[in-house]
N, C-alpha and C. Protein backbone atom coordinates (compact mmCIF):
# COMPACT_ATOMS: atom_id res chain seq x y z
N MET A 1 99.10 98.41 -35.62
CA MET A 1 99.66 98.58 -34.30
C MET A 1 101.02 97.88 -34.25
N ASN A 2 101.92 98.49 -33.59
CA ASN A 2 103.27 97.95 -33.44
C ASN A 2 103.30 97.01 -32.24
N PHE A 3 103.54 95.73 -32.50
CA PHE A 3 103.58 94.75 -31.42
C PHE A 3 105.00 94.40 -31.00
N PHE A 4 106.00 94.70 -31.83
CA PHE A 4 107.34 94.15 -31.58
C PHE A 4 108.42 95.19 -31.31
N GLN A 5 108.32 96.37 -31.86
CA GLN A 5 109.40 97.35 -31.75
C GLN A 5 109.14 98.33 -30.60
N PRO A 6 109.87 98.19 -29.50
CA PRO A 6 109.65 99.11 -28.38
C PRO A 6 110.25 100.49 -28.66
N GLY A 7 109.67 101.46 -28.02
CA GLY A 7 110.18 102.82 -28.12
C GLY A 7 110.09 103.50 -26.77
N ARG A 8 110.91 104.51 -26.58
CA ARG A 8 110.89 105.25 -25.31
C ARG A 8 110.16 106.56 -25.52
N LYS A 9 109.41 106.97 -24.52
CA LYS A 9 108.69 108.25 -24.56
C LYS A 9 109.43 109.26 -23.69
N LEU A 10 109.51 110.48 -24.19
CA LEU A 10 110.14 111.56 -23.45
C LEU A 10 109.25 111.94 -22.27
N ILE A 11 109.82 111.95 -21.08
CA ILE A 11 109.08 112.31 -19.87
C ILE A 11 109.28 113.79 -19.54
N SER A 12 110.54 114.24 -19.60
CA SER A 12 110.80 115.63 -19.26
C SER A 12 112.10 116.10 -19.91
N LYS A 13 112.22 117.42 -20.00
CA LYS A 13 113.44 118.06 -20.48
C LYS A 13 113.84 119.11 -19.45
N GLU A 14 115.14 119.18 -19.18
CA GLU A 14 115.64 120.14 -18.20
C GLU A 14 116.88 120.81 -18.79
N ARG A 15 116.87 122.11 -18.81
CA ARG A 15 118.03 122.85 -19.32
C ARG A 15 119.06 122.97 -18.21
N VAL A 16 120.29 122.54 -18.52
CA VAL A 16 121.41 122.65 -17.59
C VAL A 16 122.49 123.43 -18.32
N GLY A 17 122.54 124.73 -18.08
CA GLY A 17 123.48 125.58 -18.81
C GLY A 17 123.09 125.63 -20.28
N SER A 18 124.02 125.24 -21.14
CA SER A 18 123.74 125.26 -22.58
C SER A 18 123.23 123.91 -23.08
N LYS A 19 123.14 122.93 -22.20
CA LYS A 19 122.69 121.60 -22.60
C LYS A 19 121.28 121.34 -22.11
N VAL A 20 120.61 120.41 -22.79
CA VAL A 20 119.27 120.00 -22.39
C VAL A 20 119.35 118.53 -21.97
N ARG A 21 118.92 118.27 -20.76
CA ARG A 21 118.92 116.90 -20.25
C ARG A 21 117.51 116.32 -20.45
N LYS A 22 117.44 115.22 -21.17
CA LYS A 22 116.16 114.59 -21.46
C LYS A 22 116.02 113.32 -20.64
N ARG A 23 114.81 113.10 -20.12
CA ARG A 23 114.54 111.89 -19.35
C ARG A 23 113.44 111.12 -20.07
N TYR A 24 113.65 109.81 -20.17
CA TYR A 24 112.72 108.94 -20.89
C TYR A 24 112.18 107.87 -19.95
N ASP A 25 110.99 107.37 -20.28
CA ASP A 25 110.46 106.23 -19.54
C ASP A 25 111.10 104.96 -20.10
N ARG A 26 110.74 103.82 -19.55
CA ARG A 26 111.31 102.57 -20.05
C ARG A 26 110.69 102.25 -21.42
N ALA A 27 111.44 101.54 -22.23
CA ALA A 27 110.99 101.21 -23.58
C ALA A 27 109.81 100.24 -23.53
N GLN A 28 108.77 100.56 -24.30
CA GLN A 28 107.58 99.71 -24.41
C GLN A 28 107.07 99.78 -25.83
N THR A 29 106.43 98.71 -26.26
CA THR A 29 105.78 98.75 -27.56
C THR A 29 104.46 99.51 -27.41
N PRO A 30 103.93 100.05 -28.51
CA PRO A 30 102.63 100.69 -28.42
C PRO A 30 101.56 99.75 -27.86
N CYS A 31 101.66 98.47 -28.20
CA CYS A 31 100.71 97.50 -27.67
C CYS A 31 100.80 97.44 -26.14
N GLN A 32 102.00 97.41 -25.60
CA GLN A 32 102.18 97.37 -24.15
C GLN A 32 101.62 98.63 -23.50
N ARG A 33 101.78 99.77 -24.16
CA ARG A 33 101.24 101.02 -23.62
C ARG A 33 99.72 100.99 -23.58
N VAL A 34 99.11 100.44 -24.63
CA VAL A 34 97.65 100.33 -24.65
C VAL A 34 97.18 99.40 -23.54
N LEU A 35 97.85 98.27 -23.38
CA LEU A 35 97.45 97.31 -22.35
C LEU A 35 97.62 97.89 -20.94
N ALA A 36 98.55 98.80 -20.76
CA ALA A 36 98.77 99.41 -19.45
C ALA A 36 97.85 100.60 -19.19
N SER A 37 97.18 101.07 -20.23
CA SER A 37 96.34 102.26 -20.11
C SER A 37 95.05 101.98 -19.34
N LEU A 38 94.66 102.94 -18.54
CA LEU A 38 93.39 102.84 -17.82
C LEU A 38 92.22 103.30 -18.69
N LEU A 39 92.53 103.92 -19.83
CA LEU A 39 91.50 104.45 -20.71
C LEU A 39 90.92 103.40 -21.66
N VAL A 40 91.56 102.24 -21.73
CA VAL A 40 91.13 101.18 -22.64
C VAL A 40 90.41 100.11 -21.84
N GLY A 41 89.26 99.68 -22.34
CA GLY A 41 88.46 98.69 -21.64
C GLY A 41 89.07 97.29 -21.68
N GLU A 42 88.65 96.47 -20.74
CA GLU A 42 89.18 95.11 -20.63
C GLU A 42 88.82 94.26 -21.85
N LYS A 43 87.68 94.52 -22.44
CA LYS A 43 87.26 93.77 -23.62
C LYS A 43 88.25 94.00 -24.78
N ASP A 44 88.61 95.26 -24.98
CA ASP A 44 89.57 95.59 -26.04
C ASP A 44 90.96 95.05 -25.72
N LYS A 45 91.33 95.11 -24.46
CA LYS A 45 92.64 94.57 -24.06
C LYS A 45 92.70 93.06 -24.30
N ALA A 46 91.60 92.38 -24.02
CA ALA A 46 91.56 90.93 -24.24
C ALA A 46 91.72 90.61 -25.73
N LYS A 47 91.09 91.41 -26.59
CA LYS A 47 91.24 91.20 -28.03
C LYS A 47 92.69 91.40 -28.47
N LEU A 48 93.33 92.43 -27.93
CA LEU A 48 94.74 92.68 -28.27
C LEU A 48 95.63 91.53 -27.80
N ARG A 49 95.39 91.06 -26.59
CA ARG A 49 96.19 89.93 -26.07
C ARG A 49 96.01 88.69 -26.95
N GLU A 50 94.78 88.45 -27.36
CA GLU A 50 94.48 87.30 -28.22
C GLU A 50 95.19 87.44 -29.57
N LEU A 51 95.14 88.63 -30.15
CA LEU A 51 95.82 88.88 -31.41
C LEU A 51 97.33 88.70 -31.26
N TYR A 52 97.87 89.21 -30.18
CA TYR A 52 99.31 89.12 -29.94
C TYR A 52 99.77 87.66 -29.87
N GLN A 53 98.96 86.81 -29.28
CA GLN A 53 99.32 85.39 -29.16
C GLN A 53 99.42 84.70 -30.51
N THR A 54 98.76 85.24 -31.52
CA THR A 54 98.78 84.61 -32.85
C THR A 54 99.95 85.09 -33.70
N LEU A 55 100.67 86.11 -33.25
CA LEU A 55 101.73 86.70 -34.06
C LEU A 55 103.06 85.98 -33.85
N ASN A 56 103.84 85.93 -34.93
CA ASN A 56 105.16 85.33 -34.89
C ASN A 56 106.15 86.33 -35.48
N PRO A 57 107.00 86.96 -34.66
CA PRO A 57 107.89 88.00 -35.18
C PRO A 57 108.89 87.49 -36.22
N VAL A 58 109.34 86.25 -36.11
CA VAL A 58 110.30 85.71 -37.08
C VAL A 58 109.61 85.54 -38.43
N GLU A 59 108.42 85.00 -38.42
CA GLU A 59 107.66 84.83 -39.66
C GLU A 59 107.35 86.18 -40.29
N PHE A 60 106.99 87.13 -39.46
CA PHE A 60 106.69 88.48 -39.94
C PHE A 60 107.92 89.10 -40.62
N GLN A 61 109.08 88.95 -40.00
CA GLN A 61 110.30 89.50 -40.56
C GLN A 61 110.62 88.85 -41.91
N CYS A 62 110.40 87.55 -42.03
CA CYS A 62 110.64 86.87 -43.30
C CYS A 62 109.73 87.44 -44.39
N TRP A 63 108.47 87.66 -44.06
CA TRP A 63 107.53 88.23 -45.04
C TRP A 63 107.96 89.63 -45.45
N VAL A 64 108.44 90.42 -44.51
CA VAL A 64 108.89 91.77 -44.84
C VAL A 64 110.06 91.71 -45.82
N HIS A 65 111.00 90.80 -45.58
CA HIS A 65 112.14 90.67 -46.49
C HIS A 65 111.70 90.22 -47.88
N VAL A 66 110.75 89.30 -47.94
CA VAL A 66 110.24 88.84 -49.24
C VAL A 66 109.59 90.00 -49.99
N ILE A 67 108.78 90.77 -49.30
CA ILE A 67 108.09 91.89 -49.94
C ILE A 67 109.10 92.95 -50.39
N LEU A 68 110.07 93.25 -49.54
CA LEU A 68 111.08 94.25 -49.92
C LEU A 68 111.89 93.78 -51.12
N ARG A 69 112.25 92.51 -51.12
CA ARG A 69 113.02 91.98 -52.24
C ARG A 69 112.20 92.05 -53.53
N HIS A 70 110.92 91.75 -53.41
CA HIS A 70 110.03 91.78 -54.58
C HIS A 70 109.91 93.19 -55.15
N HIS A 71 109.93 94.18 -54.28
CA HIS A 71 109.79 95.57 -54.71
C HIS A 71 111.13 96.28 -54.88
N GLY A 72 112.23 95.54 -54.75
CA GLY A 72 113.55 96.12 -54.99
C GLY A 72 114.10 96.93 -53.84
N GLY A 73 113.52 96.82 -52.65
CA GLY A 73 113.98 97.61 -51.51
C GLY A 73 115.17 97.01 -50.78
N ALA A 74 115.25 95.69 -50.71
CA ALA A 74 116.35 95.04 -50.00
C ALA A 74 117.10 94.13 -50.96
N ARG A 75 118.38 94.06 -50.79
CA ARG A 75 119.18 93.22 -51.69
C ARG A 75 119.99 92.25 -50.90
């Protein structure tokens, strides 16, 4: 699950002449979308919140760079 990188979802498209006007909702991470959903139970939401509290985005980014460097992806 993506906890850190927000994305926007397309809400609607409207054709105006030869152009298409796209409307998006506000940017949210998939985790935020799950927490806002009425389809997900409170027990599962509590687990996600607990997991989120243990995450450190800076530490995660450092690990990604180490792994990429090890596999030759980042220089």
